[in-house]
Protein backbone atom coordinates (compact mmCIF):
# COMPACT_ATOMS: atom_id res chain seq x y z
CA UNK A 1 84.78 113.22 103.72
CA UNK A 2 82.90 110.41 105.43
CA UNK A 3 81.22 110.59 108.83
CA UNK A 4 80.63 108.05 111.55
CA UNK A 5 77.95 109.19 113.97
CA UNK A 6 77.95 107.36 117.29
CA UNK A 7 74.38 108.07 118.29
CA UNK A 8 74.41 107.11 121.96
CA UNK A 9 77.73 108.87 122.60
CA UNK A 10 76.66 112.05 120.83
CA UNK A 11 79.91 112.05 118.83
CA UNK A 12 80.77 112.34 115.15
CA UNK A 13 84.03 111.15 113.64
CA UNK A 14 85.19 112.47 110.27
CA UNK A 15 87.14 110.02 108.12
CA UNK A 16 89.39 111.37 105.38
CA UNK A 17 91.70 108.45 104.59
CA UNK A 18 90.73 104.99 103.47
CA UNK A 19 90.52 102.06 103.91
CA UNK A 20 89.68 102.31 107.59
CA UNK A 21 87.53 100.35 110.02
CA UNK A 22 85.04 101.93 112.38
CA UNK A 23 87.25 100.92 115.30
CA UNK A 24 90.40 102.48 113.82
CA UNK A 25 88.63 105.73 112.90
CA UNK A 26 87.08 106.07 116.37
CA UNK A 27 90.38 105.32 118.13
CA UNK A 28 92.22 107.89 116.02
CA UNK A 29 89.81 110.51 117.39
CA UNK A 30 90.62 109.49 120.96
CA UNK A 31 87.28 107.81 121.60
CA UNK A 32 87.44 104.58 123.58
CA UNK A 33 85.63 101.56 122.13
CA UNK A 34 85.77 98.14 123.75
CA UNK A 35 87.92 95.59 121.87
CA UNK A 36 89.29 92.73 123.96
CA UNK A 37 91.16 90.92 121.17
CA UNK A 38 93.02 93.98 119.91
CA UNK A 39 90.80 94.49 116.88
CA UNK A 40 91.56 91.17 115.20
CA UNK A 41 88.01 89.79 114.80
CA UNK A 42 88.57 87.07 117.41
CA UNK A 43 85.84 88.18 119.82
CA UNK A 44 82.63 90.19 119.71
CA UNK A 45 83.40 92.89 122.28
CA UNK A 46 83.67 95.67 119.66
CA UNK A 47 80.15 95.06 118.39
CA UNK A 48 78.32 98.04 116.86
CA UNK A 49 74.66 98.36 115.98
CA UNK A 50 74.34 99.95 112.53
CA UNK A 51 71.29 102.23 112.46
CA UNK A 52 71.90 103.90 109.09
CA UNK A 53 74.32 103.43 106.22
CA UNK A 54 74.83 99.65 106.35
CA UNK A 55 75.31 99.75 102.57
CA UNK A 56 78.25 102.12 103.18
CA UNK A 57 80.25 99.37 104.88
CA UNK A 58 82.25 96.73 103.07
CA UNK A 59 80.62 93.25 103.12
CA UNK A 60 80.72 91.08 106.22
CA UNK A 61 84.09 89.46 106.81
CA UNK A 62 84.59 85.75 107.40
CA UNK A 63 84.90 86.42 111.14
CA UNK A 64 81.56 88.26 111.18
CA UNK A 65 79.87 85.51 109.16
CA UNK A 66 81.20 82.93 111.63
CA UNK A 67 79.74 84.87 114.58
CA UNK A 68 76.42 85.24 112.73
CA UNK A 69 76.25 81.47 112.19
CA UNK A 70 76.90 80.99 115.91
CA UNK A 71 74.09 83.43 116.76
CA UNK A 72 76.50 85.89 118.42
CA UNK A 73 76.12 88.64 115.81
CA UNK A 74 72.55 89.54 114.88
CA UNK A 75 71.23 91.27 111.80
CA UNK A 76 72.21 94.96 111.92
CA UNK A 77 75.23 94.28 114.09
CA UNK A 78 78.83 94.48 112.90
CA UNK A 79 82.23 94.16 114.49
CA UNK A 80 83.74 97.64 114.60
CA UNK A 81 87.20 96.13 113.99
CA UNK A 82 86.04 94.41 110.79
CA UNK A 83 83.67 97.04 109.35
CA UNK A 84 85.53 98.94 106.65
CA UNK A 85 83.95 102.31 105.95
CA UNK A 86 82.96 103.34 102.43
CA UNK A 87 80.49 106.13 103.30
CA UNK A 88 78.50 107.76 106.11
CA UNK A 89 77.16 105.52 108.88
CA UNK A 90 75.20 105.97 112.09
CA UNK A 91 75.97 103.44 114.80
CA UNK A 92 75.36 102.91 118.47
CA UNK A 93 77.25 101.01 121.14
CA UNK A 94 75.20 98.04 122.40
CA UNK A 95 74.57 97.71 126.12
CA UNK A 96 77.00 94.80 126.53
CA UNK A 97 79.86 96.76 124.94
CA UNK A 98 79.52 100.00 126.89
CA UNK A 99 82.54 101.16 128.84
CA UNK A 100 81.92 102.32 132.44
CA UNK A 101 84.01 105.49 132.18
CA UNK A 102 82.05 106.91 129.22
CA UNK A 103 78.73 108.75 129.43
CA UNK A 104 76.11 107.36 127.05
CA UNK A 105 72.93 109.17 126.07
CA UNK A 106 70.62 106.22 126.72
């Protein structure tokens, strides 16, 4: 079993089937996560800050590399819709991606 800890939401998601992105795993647990393009890697609204376990995510996708080159995705940031889980990770929702109806711990 693999875990995704969303630090500033105080939630943990257990993942038992693979492959799965952070976004898909979180949605399956009924947790809202911003994603304006429908999880297709065409925007950066589903950005996640990876605090621990970056090595437990599949390599950056072409979409993520493109956003990095444009300066829209910084080191330590991933798109939740593109980040395929391979092990435990700890992430947080960045300020610009927070949803107003959720209570964050920061």
